[in-house]
Amino acid sequence: MILDFSCFCIFLYLLFLMLFVVLIFSYARKFFSILYSSNSVAIFFHFVIEYY
């Protein structure tokens, strides 16, 4: 009984972790799309790439 409960807890933990990662990726994609849509940030990235 205790073993089943611990496995269930691990399963829930992994489920929440996956949900958290998916949320982070979706917000990051929105953030980067906003960044790329603005022109000044694109110019800034261009200069950064040129200097490196």
Protein backbone atom coordinates (compact mmCIF):
# COMPACT_ATOMS: atom_id res chain seq x y z
CA MET A 1 0.00 0.00 0.00
CA ILE A 2 2.81 2.43 0.88
CA LEU A 3 4.71 1.54 -2.30
CA ASP A 4 1.66 2.28 -4.46
CA PHE A 5 1.22 5.64 -2.77
CA SER A 6 4.87 6.61 -3.36
CA CYS A 7 4.61 5.59 -7.03
CA PHE A 8 1.46 7.69 -7.33
CA CYS A 9 3.26 10.68 -5.78
CA ILE A 10 6.16 10.30 -8.21
CA PHE A 11 3.69 10.09 -11.10
CA LEU A 12 1.94 13.27 -9.95
CA TYR A 13 5.29 15.03 -9.55
CA LEU A 14 6.36 14.11 -13.09
CA LEU A 15 2.97 15.19 -14.43
CA PHE A 16 3.26 18.63 -12.80
CA LEU A 17 6.85 18.93 -13.99
CA MET A 18 5.84 18.22 -17.60
CA LEU A 19 2.97 20.71 -17.34
CA PHE A 20 5.36 23.35 -15.97
CA VAL A 21 7.85 22.76 -18.81
CA VAL A 22 5.08 23.02 -21.43
CA LEU A 23 3.89 26.30 -19.89
CA ILE A 24 7.43 27.70 -19.87
CA PHE A 25 7.94 26.76 -23.52
CA SER A 26 4.63 28.30 -24.60
CA TYR A 27 5.41 31.56 -22.76
CA ALA A 28 8.95 31.59 -24.17
CA ARG A 29 7.59 31.19 -27.71
CA LYS A 30 5.18 34.10 -27.17
CA PHE A 31 7.97 36.21 -25.69
CA PHE A 32 10.37 35.48 -28.56
CA SER A 33 7.69 36.16 -31.18
CA ILE A 34 7.09 39.56 -29.55
CA LEU A 35 10.84 40.18 -29.51
CA TYR A 36 11.29 39.24 -33.16
CA SER A 37 8.31 41.35 -34.23
CA SER A 38 9.91 44.50 -32.78
CA ASN A 39 12.52 45.97 -35.10
CA SER A 40 14.95 47.46 -32.57
CA VAL A 41 15.56 44.12 -30.88
CA ALA A 42 16.26 42.50 -34.25
CA ILE A 43 18.83 45.22 -35.01
CA PHE A 44 20.35 44.71 -31.55
CA PHE A 45 20.65 40.97 -32.11
CA HIS A 46 22.19 41.66 -35.52
CA PHE A 47 24.88 43.84 -33.90
CA VAL A 48 25.52 41.24 -31.19
CA ILE A 49 25.98 38.53 -33.82
CA GLU A 50 28.26 40.83 -35.86
CA TYR A 51 30.52 41.53 -32.87
CA TYR A 52 30.81 37.85 -31.97
